[in-house]
């Protein structure tokens, strides 16, 4: 019996060591090359930012750190894509470039224009900003429509984050429809092209809300559910990987870049 217990303990220890080695070793390889499987295809990481400034806040990534993160993506062969390109790939109508990544921002803060936009241009990266349509040009912490048009013309996609950023599970159907339809209409009128995607304010949604999003004319919607997007994803509940300021922001960023594809491959981040 004692020998059996020792053997079992030895096997458990060996399995743990192998698993740690998988994360630490394979993560360095897989983190730079998105995983694929025969059923659901390439797994695309959708990064979720909010603010890029020097405020000490979990939602604020310092500009120098954001620059370092973009440099990492460039140096490791990542290629930025748009929501439309992701959608076309999920629909089987187009191929994504090698190592695709979708960079997103929520809300439409002025620092996205002042700080993040020049860094994205420096690396030739595309990105998407989900804007609160009634806040642009109205509040000083948010960029205005002229700035939105400038970014849009330079390859920064502007999409919807509703009219007033109200938690959608707290609204009536009439209020939900107004938040979805009016935001889409306003952005289209200001930018002169169709808006096809939105991000749920505070991440709250359900299947009924997702159906209303579809009915309002959106092709897809993004959540704050942690994970990578692939052909097994619900196009109206697309996963993202949030990037926060932490005690060691760059290490946290690298861990999410390296290990999320591994966790996804084992089915640990999708429900």
C-alpha atoms as a PDB file:
ATOM      1  CA  UNK A   1       0.000   0.000   0.000  1.00  0.00           C
ATOM      2  CA  UNK A   2       2.803   2.421   0.929  1.00  0.00           C
ATOM      3  CA  UNK A   3       4.531   1.702  -2.380  1.00  0.00           C
ATOM      4  CA  UNK A   4       1.269   2.343  -4.236  1.00  0.00           C
ATOM      5  CA  UNK A   5       0.783   5.684  -2.468  1.00  0.00           C
ATOM      6  CA  UNK A   6       4.362   6.713  -3.271  1.00  0.00           C
ATOM      7  CA  UNK A   7       3.868   5.725  -6.916  1.00  0.00           C
ATOM      8  CA  UNK A   8       0.636   7.725  -7.121  1.00  0.00           C
ATOM      9  CA  UNK A   9       2.258  10.755  -5.516  1.00  0.00           C
ATOM     10  CA  UNK A  10       5.201  10.460  -7.888  1.00  0.00           C
ATOM     11  CA  UNK A  11       2.920  10.350 -10.910  1.00  0.00           C
ATOM     12  CA  UNK A  12       0.928  13.363  -9.680  1.00  0.00           C
ATOM     13  CA  UNK A  13       4.132  15.315  -9.118  1.00  0.00           C
ATOM     14  CA  UNK A  14       5.400  14.394 -12.581  1.00  0.00           C
ATOM     15  CA  UNK A  15       2.091  15.456 -14.152  1.00  0.00           C
ATOM     16  CA  UNK A  16       2.222  18.783 -12.346  1.00  0.00           C
ATOM     17  CA  UNK A  17       5.799  19.381 -13.479  1.00  0.00           C
ATOM     18  CA  UNK A  18       4.870  18.548 -17.066  1.00  0.00           C
ATOM     19  CA  UNK A  19       1.866  20.895 -16.935  1.00  0.00           C
ATOM     20  CA  UNK A  20       3.971  23.735 -15.570  1.00  0.00           C
ATOM     21  CA  UNK A  21       6.535  23.030 -18.256  1.00  0.00           C
ATOM     22  CA  UNK A  22       3.794  23.159 -20.853  1.00  0.00           C
ATOM     23  CA  UNK A  23       2.751  26.612 -19.677  1.00  0.00           C
ATOM     24  CA  UNK A  24       6.231  28.028 -19.267  1.00  0.00           C
ATOM     25  CA  UNK A  25       7.832  26.397 -22.265  1.00  0.00           C
ATOM     26  CA  UNK A  26       5.134  25.920 -24.843  1.00  0.00           C
ATOM     27  CA  UNK A  27       3.589  29.226 -23.874  1.00  0.00           C
ATOM     28  CA  UNK A  28       6.601  31.000 -25.330  1.00  0.00           C
ATOM     29  CA  UNK A  29       5.957  29.283 -28.644  1.00  0.00           C
ATOM     30  CA  UNK A  30       2.188  29.188 -28.750  1.00  0.00           C
ATOM     31  CA  UNK A  31       1.833  32.734 -27.468  1.00  0.00           C
ATOM     32  CA  UNK A  32       3.313  34.015 -30.724  1.00  0.00           C
ATOM     33  CA  UNK A  33       1.376  31.650 -32.982  1.00  0.00           C
ATOM     34  CA  UNK A  34      -2.347  31.387 -32.503  1.00  0.00           C
ATOM     35  CA  UNK A  35      -3.575  27.836 -32.061  1.00  0.00           C
ATOM     36  CA  UNK A  36      -5.915  26.166 -34.473  1.00  0.00           C
ATOM     37  CA  UNK A  37      -7.902  22.953 -34.392  1.00  0.00           C
ATOM     38  CA  UNK A  38      -9.625  21.032 -37.141  1.00  0.00           C
ATOM     39  CA  UNK A  39     -13.131  21.864 -35.911  1.00  0.00           C
ATOM     40  CA  UNK A  40     -13.101  25.547 -34.963  1.00  0.00           C
ATOM     41  CA  UNK A  41     -10.145  26.964 -36.891  1.00  0.00           C
ATOM     42  CA  UNK A  42      -7.787  29.723 -35.825  1.00  0.00           C
ATOM     43  CA  UNK A  43      -8.232  31.165 -32.346  1.00  0.00           C
ATOM     44  CA  UNK A  44      -8.140  34.953 -32.513  1.00  0.00           C
ATOM     45  CA  UNK A  45      -7.244  37.048 -29.486  1.00  0.00           C
ATOM     46  CA  UNK A  46      -9.347  40.198 -29.091  1.00  0.00           C
ATOM     47  CA  UNK A  47      -7.589  42.584 -26.709  1.00  0.00           C
ATOM     48  CA  UNK A  48      -9.814  44.895 -24.666  1.00  0.00           C
ATOM     49  CA  UNK A  49      -8.451  48.261 -23.476  1.00  0.00           C
ATOM     50  CA  UNK A  50     -10.160  51.304 -22.007  1.00  0.00           C
ATOM     51  CA  UNK A  51      -7.808  54.210 -21.247  1.00  0.00           C
ATOM     52  CA  UNK A  52      -4.194  54.873 -22.240  1.00  0.00           C
ATOM     53  CA  UNK A  53      -2.874  57.462 -19.803  1.00  0.00           C
ATOM     54  CA  UNK A  54      -0.739  57.847 -16.676  1.00  0.00           C
ATOM     55  CA  UNK A  55      -3.610  57.825 -14.186  1.00  0.00           C
ATOM     56  CA  UNK A  56      -3.168  55.170 -11.493  1.00  0.00           C
ATOM     57  CA  UNK A  57      -6.281  53.171 -12.294  1.00  0.00           C
ATOM     58  CA  UNK A  58      -6.804  49.551 -13.307  1.00  0.00           C
ATOM     59  CA  UNK A  59      -8.492  50.660 -16.552  1.00  0.00           C
ATOM     60  CA  UNK A  60      -5.596  52.997 -17.470  1.00  0.00           C
ATOM     61  CA  UNK A  61      -2.574  51.528 -19.245  1.00  0.00           C
ATOM     62  CA  UNK A  62       0.351  54.027 -19.245  1.00  0.00           C
ATOM     63  CA  UNK A  63       1.330  55.208 -22.758  1.00  0.00           C
ATOM     64  CA  UNK A  64       4.903  53.893 -22.390  1.00  0.00           C
ATOM     65  CA  UNK A  65       3.526  50.483 -21.428  1.00  0.00           C
ATOM     66  CA  UNK A  66       1.016  50.516 -24.284  1.00  0.00           C
ATOM     67  CA  UNK A  67       3.901  51.275 -26.657  1.00  0.00           C
ATOM     68  CA  UNK A  68       5.856  48.330 -25.243  1.00  0.00           C
ATOM     69  CA  UNK A  69       2.853  46.047 -25.709  1.00  0.00           C
ATOM     70  CA  UNK A  70       2.414  47.107 -29.327  1.00  0.00           C
ATOM     71  CA  UNK A  71       6.157  46.592 -29.898  1.00  0.00           C
ATOM     72  CA  UNK A  72       5.796  43.062 -28.530  1.00  0.00           C
ATOM     73  CA  UNK A  73       2.973  42.330 -30.951  1.00  0.00           C
ATOM     74  CA  UNK A  74       4.998  43.684 -33.885  1.00  0.00           C
ATOM     75  CA  UNK A  75       8.189  41.862 -32.894  1.00  0.00           C
ATOM     76  CA  UNK A  76       6.331  38.564 -32.487  1.00  0.00           C
ATOM     77  CA  UNK A  77       4.642  38.636 -35.870  1.00  0.00           C
ATOM     78  CA  UNK A  78       1.092  39.610 -34.958  1.00  0.00           C
ATOM     79  CA  UNK A  79      -1.158  41.165 -37.605  1.00  0.00           C
ATOM     80  CA  UNK A  80      -4.041  43.416 -36.578  1.00  0.00           C
ATOM     81  CA  UNK A  81      -7.497  42.842 -38.041  1.00  0.00           C
ATOM     82  CA  UNK A  82     -10.884  44.595 -37.988  1.00  0.00           C
ATOM     83  CA  UNK A  83     -14.228  43.259 -36.728  1.00  0.00           C
ATOM     84  CA  UNK A  84     -15.357  42.911 -40.359  1.00  0.00           C
ATOM     85  CA  UNK A  85     -12.300  40.816 -41.200  1.00  0.00           C
ATOM     86  CA  UNK A  86     -12.907  38.648 -38.142  1.00  0.00           C
ATOM     87  CA  UNK A  87     -16.575  38.272 -39.067  1.00  0.00           C
ATOM     88  CA  UNK A  88     -15.760  37.294 -42.651  1.00  0.00           C
ATOM     89  CA  UNK A  89     -13.347  34.666 -41.386  1.00  0.00           C
ATOM     90  CA  UNK A  90     -15.875  33.218 -38.929  1.00  0.00           C
ATOM     91  CA  UNK A  91     -18.403  33.102 -41.781  1.00  0.00           C
ATOM     92  CA  UNK A  92     -15.953  31.187 -43.958  1.00  0.00           C
ATOM     93  CA  UNK A  93     -15.752  33.982 -46.536  1.00  0.00           C
ATOM     94  CA  UNK A  94     -12.139  35.094 -46.022  1.00  0.00           C
ATOM     95  CA  UNK A  95      -8.810  34.036 -44.587  1.00  0.00           C
ATOM     96  CA  UNK A  96      -7.147  35.930 -41.770  1.00  0.00           C
ATOM     97  CA  UNK A  97      -3.454  36.825 -41.858  1.00  0.00           C
ATOM     98  CA  UNK A  98      -1.012  34.777 -39.824  1.00  0.00           C
ATOM     99  CA  UNK A  99      -1.156  35.507 -36.101  1.00  0.00           C
ATOM    100  CA  UNK A 100      -4.258  37.729 -36.147  1.00  0.00           C
ATOM    101  CA  UNK A 101      -5.117  40.001 -33.228  1.00  0.00           C
ATOM    102  CA  UNK A 102      -8.001  42.459 -32.848  1.00  0.00           C
ATOM    103  CA  UNK A 103      -7.207  45.497 -30.660  1.00  0.00           C
ATOM    104  CA  UNK A 104     -10.299  47.118 -29.123  1.00  0.00           C
ATOM    105  CA  UNK A 105     -11.021  50.068 -26.825  1.00  0.00           C
ATOM    106  CA  UNK A 106     -14.267  50.721 -24.971  1.00  0.00           C
ATOM    107  CA  UNK A 107     -16.024  54.070 -24.411  1.00  0.00           C
ATOM    108  CA  UNK A 108     -14.136  56.588 -26.604  1.00  0.00           C
ATOM    109  CA  UNK A 109     -11.870  58.388 -24.150  1.00  0.00           C
ATOM    110  CA  UNK A 110      -9.898  61.406 -25.335  1.00  0.00           C
ATOM    111  CA  UNK A 111      -6.632  59.663 -24.414  1.00  0.00           C
ATOM    112  CA  UNK A 112      -7.412  57.057 -27.079  1.00  0.00           C
ATOM    113  CA  UNK A 113      -6.981  59.884 -29.592  1.00  0.00           C
ATOM    114  CA  UNK A 114      -4.113  61.721 -27.882  1.00  0.00           C
ATOM    115  CA  UNK A 115      -2.041  58.761 -26.664  1.00  0.00           C
ATOM    116  CA  UNK A 116      -3.089  55.444 -28.201  1.00  0.00           C
ATOM    117  CA  UNK A 117      -3.719  56.663 -31.754  1.00  0.00           C
ATOM    118  CA  UNK A 118      -0.148  57.937 -32.404  1.00  0.00           C
ATOM    119  CA  UNK A 119       1.308  54.702 -31.017  1.00  0.00           C
ATOM    120  CA  UNK A 120      -0.952  52.591 -33.217  1.00  0.00           C
ATOM    121  CA  UNK A 121       0.120  54.689 -36.220  1.00  0.00           C
ATOM    122  CA  UNK A 122       3.771  54.232 -35.235  1.00  0.00           C
ATOM    123  CA  UNK A 123       3.384  50.456 -35.636  1.00  0.00           C
ATOM    124  CA  UNK A 124       0.968  50.574 -38.549  1.00  0.00           C
ATOM    125  CA  UNK A 125      -1.724  48.838 -36.497  1.00  0.00           C
ATOM    126  CA  UNK A 126      -5.465  48.775 -36.976  1.00  0.00           C
ATOM    127  CA  UNK A 127      -7.749  49.047 -33.943  1.00  0.00           C
ATOM    128  CA  UNK A 128     -11.421  49.441 -33.047  1.00  0.00           C
ATOM    129  CA  UNK A 129     -13.000  51.900 -30.615  1.00  0.00           C
ATOM    130  CA  UNK A 130     -16.506  51.157 -29.336  1.00  0.00           C
ATOM    131  CA  UNK A 131     -17.869  54.628 -28.580  1.00  0.00           C
ATOM    132  CA  UNK A 132     -20.675  55.881 -26.362  1.00  0.00           C
ATOM    133  CA  UNK A 133     -22.332  57.943 -29.070  1.00  0.00           C
ATOM    134  CA  UNK A 134     -23.953  60.560 -26.834  1.00  0.00           C
ATOM    135  CA  UNK A 135     -20.673  61.245 -24.984  1.00  0.00           C
ATOM    136  CA  UNK A 136     -18.515  62.228 -27.975  1.00  0.00           C
ATOM    137  CA  UNK A 137     -17.968  65.971 -28.139  1.00  0.00           C
ATOM    138  CA  UNK A 138     -20.177  66.410 -25.058  1.00  0.00           C
ATOM    139  CA  UNK A 139     -17.855  65.517 -22.189  1.00  0.00           C
ATOM    140  CA  UNK A 140     -14.204  66.653 -21.973  1.00  0.00           C
ATOM    141  CA  UNK A 141     -12.874  63.167 -21.206  1.00  0.00           C
ATOM    142  CA  UNK A 142     -14.112  61.865 -24.579  1.00  0.00           C
ATOM    143  CA  UNK A 143     -12.899  62.622 -28.091  1.00  0.00           C
ATOM    144  CA  UNK A 144     -15.155  64.524 -30.471  1.00  0.00           C
ATOM    145  CA  UNK A 145     -16.583  63.617 -33.864  1.00  0.00           C
ATOM    146  CA  UNK A 146     -13.859  65.430 -35.822  1.00  0.00           C
ATOM    147  CA  UNK A 147     -11.269  63.380 -33.980  1.00  0.00           C
ATOM    148  CA  UNK A 148     -13.326  60.244 -34.582  1.00  0.00           C
ATOM    149  CA  UNK A 149     -13.362  60.994 -38.310  1.00  0.00           C
ATOM    150  CA  UNK A 150      -9.601  61.591 -38.319  1.00  0.00           C
ATOM    151  CA  UNK A 151      -8.940  58.259 -36.645  1.00  0.00           C
ATOM    152  CA  UNK A 152     -11.438  56.460 -38.834  1.00  0.00           C
ATOM    153  CA  UNK A 153      -9.756  57.792 -41.976  1.00  0.00           C
ATOM    154  CA  UNK A 154      -6.429  56.470 -40.663  1.00  0.00           C
ATOM    155  CA  UNK A 155      -7.639  52.912 -40.120  1.00  0.00           C
ATOM    156  CA  UNK A 156      -9.109  53.079 -36.615  1.00  0.00           C
ATOM    157  CA  UNK A 157     -12.554  51.498 -36.786  1.00  0.00           C
ATOM    158  CA  UNK A 158     -15.334  53.250 -34.839  1.00  0.00           C
ATOM    159  CA  UNK A 159     -18.202  51.058 -33.654  1.00  0.00           C
ATOM    160  CA  UNK A 160     -21.052  51.247 -31.116  1.00  0.00           C
ATOM    161  CA  UNK A 161     -21.030  51.061 -27.321  1.00  0.00           C
ATOM    162  CA  UNK A 162     -24.675  52.255 -27.213  1.00  0.00           C
ATOM    163  CA  UNK A 163     -25.990  55.784 -26.615  1.00  0.00           C
ATOM    164  CA  UNK A 164     -25.512  56.224 -22.862  1.00  0.00           C
ATOM    165  CA  UNK A 165     -23.610  53.148 -21.611  1.00  0.00           C
ATOM    166  CA  UNK A 166     -26.500  51.886 -19.497  1.00  0.00           C
ATOM    167  CA  UNK A 167     -26.376  48.285 -18.301  1.00  0.00           C
ATOM    168  CA  UNK A 168     -28.562  46.508 -20.839  1.00  0.00           C
ATOM    169  CA  UNK A 169     -30.072  43.989 -18.436  1.00  0.00           C
ATOM    170  CA  UNK A 170     -31.620  46.929 -16.517  1.00  0.00           C
ATOM    171  CA  UNK A 171     -33.526  48.311 -19.521  1.00  0.00           C
ATOM    172  CA  UNK A 172     -36.950  47.708 -21.025  1.00  0.00           C
ATOM    173  CA  UNK A 173     -37.158  46.424 -24.575  1.00  0.00           C
ATOM    174  CA  UNK A 174     -38.058  49.899 -25.846  1.00  0.00           C
ATOM    175  CA  UNK A 175     -35.035  51.378 -24.049  1.00  0.00           C
ATOM    176  CA  UNK A 176     -32.781  48.626 -25.383  1.00  0.00           C
ATOM    177  CA  UNK A 177     -33.904  49.209 -28.954  1.00  0.00           C
ATOM    178  CA  UNK A 178     -33.370  52.961 -28.588  1.00  0.00           C
ATOM    179  CA  UNK A 179     -29.835  52.472 -27.209  1.00  0.00           C
ATOM    180  CA  UNK A 180     -28.936  50.150 -30.083  1.00  0.00           C
ATOM    181  CA  UNK A 181     -30.676  51.864 -32.993  1.00  0.00           C
ATOM    182  CA  UNK A 182     -29.909  55.478 -32.083  1.00  0.00           C
ATOM    183  CA  UNK A 183     -26.226  54.825 -31.441  1.00  0.00           C
ATOM    184  CA  UNK A 184     -25.869  53.032 -34.763  1.00  0.00           C
ATOM    185  CA  UNK A 185     -27.752  55.800 -36.590  1.00  0.00           C
ATOM    186  CA  UNK A 186     -25.707  58.589 -35.008  1.00  0.00           C
ATOM    187  CA  UNK A 187     -22.317  57.024 -35.741  1.00  0.00           C
ATOM    188  CA  UNK A 188     -23.306  56.219 -39.323  1.00  0.00           C
ATOM    189  CA  UNK A 189     -24.487  59.809 -39.853  1.00  0.00           C
ATOM    190  CA  UNK A 190     -21.235  61.240 -38.458  1.00  0.00           C
ATOM    191  CA  UNK A 191     -18.829  58.866 -40.222  1.00  0.00           C
ATOM    192  CA  UNK A 192     -20.736  58.188 -43.422  1.00  0.00           C
ATOM    193  CA  UNK A 193     -20.543  54.403 -43.457  1.00  0.00           C
ATOM    194  CA  UNK A 194     -22.403  51.420 -42.023  1.00  0.00           C
ATOM    195  CA  UNK A 195     -21.820  50.359 -38.417  1.00  0.00           C
ATOM    196  CA  UNK A 196     -21.997  46.602 -37.940  1.00  0.00           C
ATOM    197  CA  UNK A 197     -20.700  45.846 -34.437  1.00  0.00           C
ATOM    198  CA  UNK A 198     -21.222  46.821 -30.826  1.00  0.00           C
ATOM    199  CA  UNK A 199     -19.812  46.029 -27.388  1.00  0.00           C
ATOM    200  CA  UNK A 200     -22.123  45.446 -24.430  1.00  0.00           C
ATOM    201  CA  UNK A 201     -21.814  48.181 -21.759  1.00  0.00           C
ATOM    202  CA  UNK A 202     -20.463  46.678 -18.519  1.00  0.00           C
ATOM    203  CA  UNK A 203     -20.497  43.346 -20.359  1.00  0.00           C
ATOM    204  CA  UNK A 204     -24.079  42.557 -19.335  1.00  0.00           C
ATOM    205  CA  UNK A 205     -26.267  40.776 -21.869  1.00  0.00           C
ATOM    206  CA  UNK A 206     -28.454  37.721 -22.358  1.00  0.00           C
ATOM    207  CA  UNK A 207     -29.841  35.802 -25.325  1.00  0.00           C
ATOM    208  CA  UNK A 208     -32.881  38.087 -25.581  1.00  0.00           C
ATOM    209  CA  UNK A 209     -30.656  41.176 -25.719  1.00  0.00           C
ATOM    210  CA  UNK A 210     -28.428  39.459 -28.291  1.00  0.00           C
ATOM    211  CA  UNK A 211     -31.501  38.899 -30.480  1.00  0.00           C
ATOM    212  CA  UNK A 212     -32.404  42.597 -30.207  1.00  0.00           C
ATOM    213  CA  UNK A 213     -28.833  43.456 -31.245  1.00  0.00           C
ATOM    214  CA  UNK A 214     -29.287  41.298 -34.321  1.00  0.00           C
ATOM    215  CA  UNK A 215     -32.693  42.820 -35.043  1.00  0.00           C
ATOM    216  CA  UNK A 216     -31.162  46.312 -34.856  1.00  0.00           C
ATOM    217  CA  UNK A 217     -28.918  45.449 -37.795  1.00  0.00           C
ATOM    218  CA  UNK A 218     -25.626  44.579 -36.117  1.00  0.00           C
ATOM    219  CA  UNK A 219     -23.573  41.680 -37.499  1.00  0.00           C
ATOM    220  CA  UNK A 220     -21.905  40.891 -34.190  1.00  0.00           C
ATOM    221  CA  UNK A 221     -21.311  41.975 -30.599  1.00  0.00           C
ATOM    222  CA  UNK A 222     -18.437  41.783 -28.138  1.00  0.00           C
ATOM    223  CA  UNK A 223     -18.589  40.811 -24.475  1.00  0.00           C
ATOM    224  CA  UNK A 224     -16.066  40.910 -21.644  1.00  0.00           C
ATOM    225  CA  UNK A 225     -16.174  37.110 -21.374  1.00  0.00           C
ATOM    226  CA  UNK A 226     -12.565  35.953 -21.171  1.00  0.00           C
ATOM    227  CA  UNK A 227     -11.255  33.867 -24.042  1.00  0.00           C
ATOM    228  CA  UNK A 228     -10.286  33.697 -27.693  1.00  0.00           C
ATOM    229  CA  UNK A 229     -12.673  33.866 -30.642  1.00  0.00           C
ATOM    230  CA  UNK A 230     -12.994  30.985 -33.081  1.00  0.00           C
ATOM    231  CA  UNK A 231     -15.695  29.396 -35.233  1.00  0.00           C
ATOM    232  CA  UNK A 232     -17.257  27.927 -32.100  1.00  0.00           C
ATOM    233  CA  UNK A 233     -17.967  31.414 -30.740  1.00  0.00           C
ATOM    234  CA  UNK A 234     -21.401  33.031 -30.718  1.00  0.00           C
ATOM    235  CA  UNK A 235     -21.050  35.998 -33.077  1.00  0.00           C
ATOM    236  CA  UNK A 236     -23.309  38.016 -30.741  1.00  0.00           C
ATOM    237  CA  UNK A 237     -21.221  37.094 -27.678  1.00  0.00           C
ATOM    238  CA  UNK A 238     -17.630  37.318 -28.879  1.00  0.00           C
ATOM    239  CA  UNK A 239     -14.917  36.802 -26.278  1.00  0.00           C
ATOM    240  CA  UNK A 240     -12.199  39.294 -25.392  1.00  0.00           C
ATOM    241  CA  UNK A 241      -9.036  39.401 -23.283  1.00  0.00           C
ATOM    242  CA  UNK A 242      -9.024  42.469 -20.981  1.00  0.00           C
ATOM    243  CA  UNK A 243      -5.752  44.338 -20.454  1.00  0.00           C
ATOM    244  CA  UNK A 244      -5.451  46.142 -17.125  1.00  0.00           C
ATOM    245  CA  UNK A 245      -2.867  48.134 -15.201  1.00  0.00           C
ATOM    246  CA  UNK A 246      -1.433  45.916 -12.452  1.00  0.00           C
ATOM    247  CA  UNK A 247       1.584  45.913 -10.150  1.00  0.00           C
ATOM    248  CA  UNK A 248       3.520  44.563 -13.142  1.00  0.00           C
ATOM    249  CA  UNK A 249       1.438  45.510 -16.160  1.00  0.00           C
ATOM    250  CA  UNK A 250       3.812  44.178 -18.800  1.00  0.00           C
ATOM    251  CA  UNK A 251       4.165  40.792 -17.131  1.00  0.00           C
ATOM    252  CA  UNK A 252       0.383  40.552 -16.840  1.00  0.00           C
ATOM    253  CA  UNK A 253       0.064  41.412 -20.543  1.00  0.00           C
ATOM    254  CA  UNK A 254       2.607  38.743 -21.532  1.00  0.00           C
ATOM    255  CA  UNK A 255       0.893  36.121 -19.389  1.00  0.00           C
ATOM    256  CA  UNK A 256      -2.433  36.800 -21.088  1.00  0.00           C
ATOM    257  CA  UNK A 257      -0.869  36.753 -24.545  1.00  0.00           C
ATOM    258  CA  UNK A 258       1.059  33.541 -23.905  1.00  0.00           C
ATOM    259  CA  UNK A 259      -1.341  31.467 -21.865  1.00  0.00           C
ATOM    260  CA  UNK A 260      -4.823  32.349 -23.104  1.00  0.00           C
ATOM    261  CA  UNK A 261      -4.306  30.301 -26.318  1.00  0.00           C
ATOM    262  CA  UNK A 262      -3.192  27.337 -24.196  1.00  0.00           C
ATOM    263  CA  UNK A 263      -6.166  27.604 -21.835  1.00  0.00           C
ATOM    264  CA  UNK A 264      -8.495  27.942 -24.825  1.00  0.00           C
ATOM    265  CA  UNK A 265      -7.046  24.827 -26.418  1.00  0.00           C
ATOM    266  CA  UNK A 266      -7.990  22.828 -23.316  1.00  0.00           C
ATOM    267  CA  UNK A 267     -11.448  24.383 -23.187  1.00  0.00           C
ATOM    268  CA  UNK A 268     -10.708  26.186 -19.908  1.00  0.00           C
ATOM    269  CA  UNK A 269     -11.985  29.637 -20.863  1.00  0.00           C
ATOM    270  CA  UNK A 270     -15.166  28.915 -22.822  1.00  0.00           C
ATOM    271  CA  UNK A 271     -18.476  27.828 -21.395  1.00  0.00           C
END
